[in-house]
Structures are given as C-alpha cells and as structure tokens.
Amino acid sequence: MPQISPEDLLRNGIRVDGRRWNELRPIKMEVGVLDKADGSAYIEHGKNKILVAVYGPREAHPKHIALPDRATIKCRYHMAPFSVEERKSPAPSRREIEISKVIREALEPAILSEYYPRTSIDIFIEVLQSDGGSRCAGINGASLALADAGIPMRDLVAACAVGKIAGQLALDLSDIEDKLGEADMPVAYMPTYNSVTLLQMDGSFTHDEFAAGLELAVENCKKIYQMQREALRRQYLEVGKEEGTGAGR
C-alpha cells in the first residue's frame, strides 16, 4: 500500500477513495441469509463485510440473567482473525467487548423487550472484513436481522459516522481516514422517533463542526434507513413468491 499522509486524505475536495466529503461508501444489504438462525443479515459497507445472526426470544441461559419485566438483550461483536491485515487473535479483545456493549445499547431503545420477560435475545455480529466504521455497519445489519427474526421493534436503527480529515468534515470514514484523521463521531438514529440512540466521539470538533456533523450523520442515517426498508421489502416479496402467497404477486 502506498504511503499516505494526513494531507493526502483530501485533495481538491476528493478523498483517497475518490469520494467527496459528503458521500457514503457503496452499501449492499441482504436479509435472511442463514437458515439456522431466527433472523440474519449480511451487509457490505465499502470494504466492510459483516454477517449478523439473531436468536430468540428464547429461554434465558444462564437463568440468573433473566429479567422479570423484559427480555435480556445480549450482543457479541467479533472480528474474524482474517478480517484485518495482520492476523487477529480469535479471543475477544477489550475493544470488541466495548463495541458489543455500545451496539447493544444503541439497539435496546428500538426493541420491544417488555413483550418477552424472562427470555433472552442474542445478537451475533461477525466482521469478516473490516475497513473502518464496522460498529455502524454492525448496527445496520443487526437491526435488519432483528426485524428478520420477527422481533417487535419500535423502529429500525440506522447508523453512520462523520469525521474530520485534513481539517474538514467528512462522512463515513474508511479505515485509513479513521487512522490518519482528526476526529470520528459514530451516530445511530431511529428516524420515526427522531431519536439518537448512539453518539460517540473520538478527537475534537468545534461547536459548529459538531452541529454540522450531527446533522450530516442524521441525514445519511435516513438514507441508510430507506436502504434497510428496501432490503426487508425485497426479502418479504421473495418469501411471498416462494410460498405462493399474495405477498410476492
């Protein structure tokens, strides 16, 4: 890989991967890709490739984690050893444990867990290939997999990040932009409720940059939300065709 300096990240308004400052990377979403899971999704976001499986609601195990008034939501975010340039240990790292918690907390407001007391809902996010922004892509995939499992939700959760490179705001940072950039702010959002469920920030923004960055992230979460709805609609139509119901006609 050619050596890149922070100044190379944005030249004449064009980023190292050819995007402008306010463009998302290409996104591909599929739903219902695993037969053995209750719900599943596969998402490609730029070079990120992520598989998500959801199980439940099912009996809580071990039993002491059961909650009397709602389901226990569990989430495991895991990066495969081959997902990054240098082989990663298959054991969960501190970063993966932290991101698992962050993703769970971003999804919990959307899940009607009170419908299933004393059960658990398990979310497994497997990052097959990582290129920056995998927590946001994982949230987008997990939201689809939860819907595919038929778990009642208030809304889908859509996520994307805004960062700062070469002194300017930039949407949806890739791995090299994340490493050499000056700031990164992942945002998760429920459009129907106009509710932010995740807001983190590494680095620093001015007050005006923060406000503009949050607005940019929310607007692009809405675009991703429409992609999620379209992915679910395609899956629903496909199942309808296979079952010969009116859904696919």
Protein backbone atom coordinates (compact mmCIF):
# COMPACT_ATOMS: atom_id res chain seq x y z
CA MET A 1 0.00 0.00 0.00
CA PRO A 2 1.44 3.44 -0.91
CA GLN A 3 2.42 5.65 1.99
CA ILE A 4 -0.34 8.19 2.72
CA SER A 5 0.00 11.27 4.88
CA PRO A 6 -2.88 13.10 6.61
CA GLU A 7 -2.60 15.84 3.95
CA ASP A 8 -3.27 13.26 1.23
CA LEU A 9 -6.67 12.32 2.67
CA LEU A 10 -8.41 15.21 0.96
CA ARG A 11 -7.03 16.95 -2.14
CA ASN A 12 -9.08 19.35 -4.26
CA GLY A 13 -12.21 18.15 -2.49
CA ILE A 14 -11.60 14.49 -3.38
CA ARG A 15 -10.78 11.80 -0.81
CA VAL A 16 -8.28 8.95 -1.25
CA ASP A 17 -11.03 6.57 -2.40
CA GLY A 18 -12.49 9.09 -4.87
CA ARG A 19 -15.47 10.24 -2.78
CA ARG A 20 -16.43 13.78 -1.93
CA TRP A 21 -16.69 14.87 1.70
CA ASN A 22 -20.41 14.16 1.98
CA GLU A 23 -20.65 10.79 0.21
CA LEU A 24 -21.31 7.38 1.75
CA ARG A 25 -19.39 4.35 0.61
CA PRO A 26 -21.38 1.83 -1.51
CA ILE A 27 -23.74 -0.23 0.66
CA LYS A 28 -25.23 -3.66 -0.04
CA MET A 29 -27.76 -5.35 2.29
CA GLU A 30 -29.28 -8.82 2.27
CA VAL A 31 -31.76 -10.31 4.74
CA GLY A 32 -32.43 -13.94 5.70
CA VAL A 33 -29.06 -15.29 4.58
CA LEU A 34 -28.74 -18.01 7.27
CA ASP A 35 -31.13 -20.96 7.58
CA LYS A 36 -30.19 -21.91 11.16
CA ALA A 37 -30.73 -18.51 12.78
CA ASP A 38 -34.10 -16.98 13.68
CA GLY A 39 -33.07 -13.86 11.82
CA SER A 40 -30.00 -12.88 9.83
CA ALA A 41 -28.50 -10.26 7.56
CA TYR A 42 -25.37 -9.64 5.53
CA ILE A 43 -24.07 -6.18 4.87
CA GLU A 44 -21.26 -4.77 2.78
CA HIS A 45 -20.39 -1.18 3.57
CA GLY A 46 -17.42 -0.12 1.48
CA LYS A 47 -14.91 -2.91 2.09
CA ASN A 48 -16.58 -3.97 5.35
CA LYS A 49 -18.23 -7.40 5.10
CA ILE A 50 -20.39 -8.30 8.09
CA LEU A 51 -22.68 -11.22 8.89
CA VAL A 52 -25.30 -10.95 11.65
CA ALA A 53 -27.40 -13.69 13.26
CA VAL A 54 -30.19 -13.27 15.82
CA TYR A 55 -31.64 -15.97 18.07
CA GLY A 56 -34.69 -15.58 20.28
CA PRO A 57 -36.63 -14.70 22.16
CA ARG A 58 -35.63 -17.94 23.89
CA GLU A 59 -35.17 -19.22 27.42
CA ALA A 60 -32.56 -17.16 29.21
CA HIS A 61 -29.35 -19.02 29.91
CA PRO A 62 -27.88 -18.97 32.50
CA LYS A 63 -31.14 -18.40 34.32
CA HIS A 64 -29.80 -15.70 36.63
CA ILE A 65 -29.60 -13.27 33.69
CA ALA A 66 -33.40 -13.45 33.22
CA LEU A 67 -35.24 -10.19 33.91
CA PRO A 68 -38.79 -10.27 35.32
CA ASP A 69 -40.12 -7.42 33.20
CA ARG A 70 -38.36 -7.75 29.84
CA ALA A 71 -36.07 -9.82 27.66
CA THR A 72 -32.34 -9.69 28.22
CA ILE A 73 -30.58 -8.38 25.12
CA LYS A 74 -27.13 -9.84 24.52
CA CYS A 75 -24.77 -8.78 21.76
CA ARG A 76 -21.43 -10.15 20.64
CA TYR A 77 -19.40 -8.13 18.13
CA HIS A 78 -16.48 -10.20 16.91
CA MET A 79 -13.79 -9.63 14.31
CA ALA A 80 -12.65 -12.75 12.48
CA PRO A 81 -8.89 -13.42 12.66
CA PHE A 82 -8.66 -12.78 8.91
CA SER A 83 -10.72 -9.56 8.96
CA VAL A 84 -7.71 -7.24 9.24
CA GLU A 85 -4.28 -7.08 7.58
CA GLU A 86 -2.40 -8.74 10.43
CA ARG A 87 -3.99 -11.88 11.85
CA LYS A 88 -6.04 -11.05 14.92
CA SER A 89 -6.41 -13.30 17.95
CA PRO A 90 -9.80 -15.07 17.85
CA ALA A 91 -10.27 -14.28 21.55
CA PRO A 92 -12.46 -11.23 22.27
CA SER A 93 -10.41 -8.07 22.76
CA ARG A 94 -11.28 -5.20 25.11
CA ARG A 95 -12.29 -3.17 22.06
CA GLU A 96 -14.68 -5.87 20.86
CA ILE A 97 -16.22 -6.16 24.34
CA GLU A 98 -16.71 -2.38 24.45
CA ILE A 99 -18.23 -2.26 20.95
CA SER A 100 -20.56 -5.16 21.83
CA LYS A 101 -21.89 -3.09 24.73
CA VAL A 102 -22.17 0.07 22.61
CA ILE A 103 -24.11 -1.73 19.88
CA ARG A 104 -26.44 -3.38 22.39
CA GLU A 105 -27.21 -0.03 23.97
CA ALA A 106 -27.82 1.52 20.53
CA LEU A 107 -30.36 -1.20 19.66
CA GLU A 108 -32.16 -1.59 23.01
CA PRO A 109 -34.39 1.50 22.64
CA ALA A 110 -35.82 0.03 19.43
CA ILE A 111 -36.62 -3.47 20.75
CA LEU A 112 -39.96 -4.07 22.49
CA SER A 113 -38.25 -6.33 25.00
CA GLU A 114 -41.11 -5.94 27.50
CA TYR A 115 -43.15 -8.35 25.37
CA TYR A 116 -40.86 -11.23 26.32
CA PRO A 117 -40.00 -11.18 30.05
CA ARG A 118 -37.55 -13.80 31.38
CA THR A 119 -36.20 -14.59 27.91
CA SER A 120 -33.07 -13.58 26.04
CA ILE A 121 -32.48 -12.21 22.56
CA ASP A 122 -28.98 -12.92 21.28
CA ILE A 123 -27.26 -10.90 18.54
CA PHE A 124 -24.06 -12.17 16.94
CA ILE A 125 -22.15 -9.77 14.71
CA GLU A 126 -19.25 -11.35 12.84
CA VAL A 127 -16.94 -8.96 11.00
CA LEU A 128 -15.49 -10.94 8.09
CA GLN A 129 -13.58 -7.99 6.65
CA SER A 130 -13.01 -4.65 8.32
CA ASP A 131 -12.34 -1.24 6.78
CA GLY A 132 -13.44 1.34 9.34
CA GLY A 133 -16.97 2.06 10.50
CA SER A 134 -17.73 -1.57 11.34
CA ARG A 135 -19.69 -0.70 14.50
CA CYS A 136 -22.13 1.40 12.45
CA ALA A 137 -22.38 -1.27 9.75
CA GLY A 138 -22.89 -3.85 12.51
CA ILE A 139 -25.79 -1.82 13.94
CA ASN A 140 -27.37 -1.57 10.49
CA GLY A 141 -27.05 -5.31 9.96
CA ALA A 142 -28.24 -6.20 13.47
CA SER A 143 -31.31 -4.04 13.06
CA LEU A 144 -32.18 -5.94 9.87
CA ALA A 145 -31.55 -9.33 11.49
CA LEU A 146 -33.80 -8.44 14.45
CA ALA A 147 -36.58 -7.48 12.06
CA ASP A 148 -35.99 -10.68 10.07
CA ALA A 149 -36.37 -12.69 13.31
CA GLY A 150 -39.84 -11.16 13.74
CA ILE A 151 -38.92 -9.39 16.97
CA PRO A 152 -41.27 -6.45 17.53
CA MET A 153 -39.43 -3.14 17.21
CA ARG A 154 -40.39 0.48 17.58
CA ASP A 155 -38.26 1.33 14.56
CA LEU A 156 -35.19 0.22 12.64
CA VAL A 157 -31.93 1.70 13.86
CA ALA A 158 -29.66 3.16 11.18
CA ALA A 159 -26.09 4.27 11.82
CA CYS A 160 -23.22 6.08 10.14
CA ALA A 161 -20.25 8.18 11.21
CA VAL A 162 -18.94 11.64 10.48
CA GLY A 163 -15.29 12.53 10.97
CA LYS A 164 -12.75 15.20 10.23
CA ILE A 165 -9.88 14.79 7.76
CA ALA A 166 -7.42 17.45 6.61
CA GLY A 167 -9.34 19.96 8.74
CA GLN A 168 -12.72 19.33 7.08
CA LEU A 169 -15.79 17.30 7.91
CA ALA A 170 -16.09 14.00 6.03
CA LEU A 171 -18.85 11.43 6.01
CA ASP A 172 -18.35 7.70 6.63
CA LEU A 173 -14.60 7.39 7.24
CA SER A 174 -12.70 4.42 5.85
CA ASP A 175 -10.03 2.72 7.92
CA ILE A 176 -7.14 4.84 6.64
CA GLU A 177 -9.18 8.02 7.14
CA ASP A 178 -10.06 6.91 10.66
CA LYS A 179 -6.41 6.24 11.49
CA LEU A 180 -4.99 9.46 10.00
CA GLY A 181 -7.98 11.74 10.55
CA GLU A 182 -8.57 14.16 13.38
CA ALA A 183 -11.98 13.06 14.69
CA ASP A 184 -14.68 10.43 14.31
CA MET A 185 -18.29 10.52 15.53
CA PRO A 186 -20.48 7.38 15.09
CA VAL A 187 -24.22 8.11 15.30
CA ALA A 188 -27.19 5.71 15.45
CA TYR A 189 -30.68 7.01 14.88
CA MET A 190 -34.35 5.96 14.85
CA PRO A 191 -35.94 8.12 12.12
CA THR A 192 -39.59 7.58 13.07
CA TYR A 193 -38.92 8.89 16.58
CA ASN A 194 -36.24 11.41 15.56
CA SER A 195 -34.20 9.79 18.32
CA VAL A 196 -30.43 9.37 18.54
CA THR A 197 -29.55 6.06 20.24
CA LEU A 198 -25.78 6.29 19.91
CA LEU A 199 -23.44 9.26 19.89
CA GLN A 200 -19.73 8.75 20.43
CA MET A 201 -16.79 10.93 19.55
CA ASP A 202 -13.05 10.46 19.26
CA GLY A 203 -10.94 13.56 18.66
CA SER A 204 -12.37 17.05 18.74
CA PHE A 205 -14.80 19.26 16.79
CA THR A 206 -15.60 22.90 17.21
CA HIS A 207 -19.18 23.64 18.29
CA ASP A 208 -20.17 24.48 14.72
CA GLU A 209 -18.43 21.38 13.34
CA PHE A 210 -20.23 19.20 15.87
CA ALA A 211 -23.63 20.64 14.96
CA ALA A 212 -22.97 20.32 11.21
CA GLY A 213 -21.53 16.83 11.65
CA LEU A 214 -24.51 15.60 13.64
CA GLU A 215 -26.92 16.99 11.05
CA LEU A 216 -24.93 15.30 8.26
CA ALA A 217 -24.92 11.98 10.13
CA VAL A 218 -28.67 12.10 10.79
CA GLU A 219 -29.46 12.92 7.16
CA ASN A 220 -27.41 9.96 5.98
CA CYS A 221 -28.87 7.65 8.64
CA LYS A 222 -32.20 8.44 6.97
CA LYS A 223 -30.75 7.31 3.61
CA ILE A 224 -29.48 4.07 5.16
CA TYR A 225 -32.88 3.58 6.81
CA GLN A 226 -34.51 3.62 3.37
CA MET A 227 -31.96 1.01 2.18
CA GLN A 228 -32.85 -1.16 5.19
CA ARG A 229 -36.56 -0.91 4.44
CA GLU A 230 -35.90 -1.81 0.80
CA ALA A 231 -33.80 -4.85 1.83
CA LEU A 232 -36.64 -6.08 4.07
CA ARG A 233 -39.20 -5.43 1.35
CA ARG A 234 -37.16 -7.47 -1.16
CA GLN A 235 -36.91 -10.36 1.33
CA TYR A 236 -40.63 -10.20 2.10
CA LEU A 237 -41.53 -10.27 -1.61
CA GLU A 238 -39.13 -13.18 -2.21
CA VAL A 239 -40.62 -15.24 0.64
CA GLY A 240 -44.10 -14.43 -0.66
CA LYS A 241 -43.19 -15.75 -4.10
CA GLU A 242 -41.72 -18.97 -2.67
CA GLU A 243 -44.80 -19.59 -0.53
CA GLY A 244 -47.20 -18.65 -3.30
CA THR A 245 -48.94 -16.03 -1.21
CA GLY A 246 -50.19 -12.72 -2.44
CA ALA A 247 -47.15 -11.02 -0.91
CA GLY A 248 -44.97 -11.78 -3.92
CA ARG A 249 -47.54 -11.03 -6.60
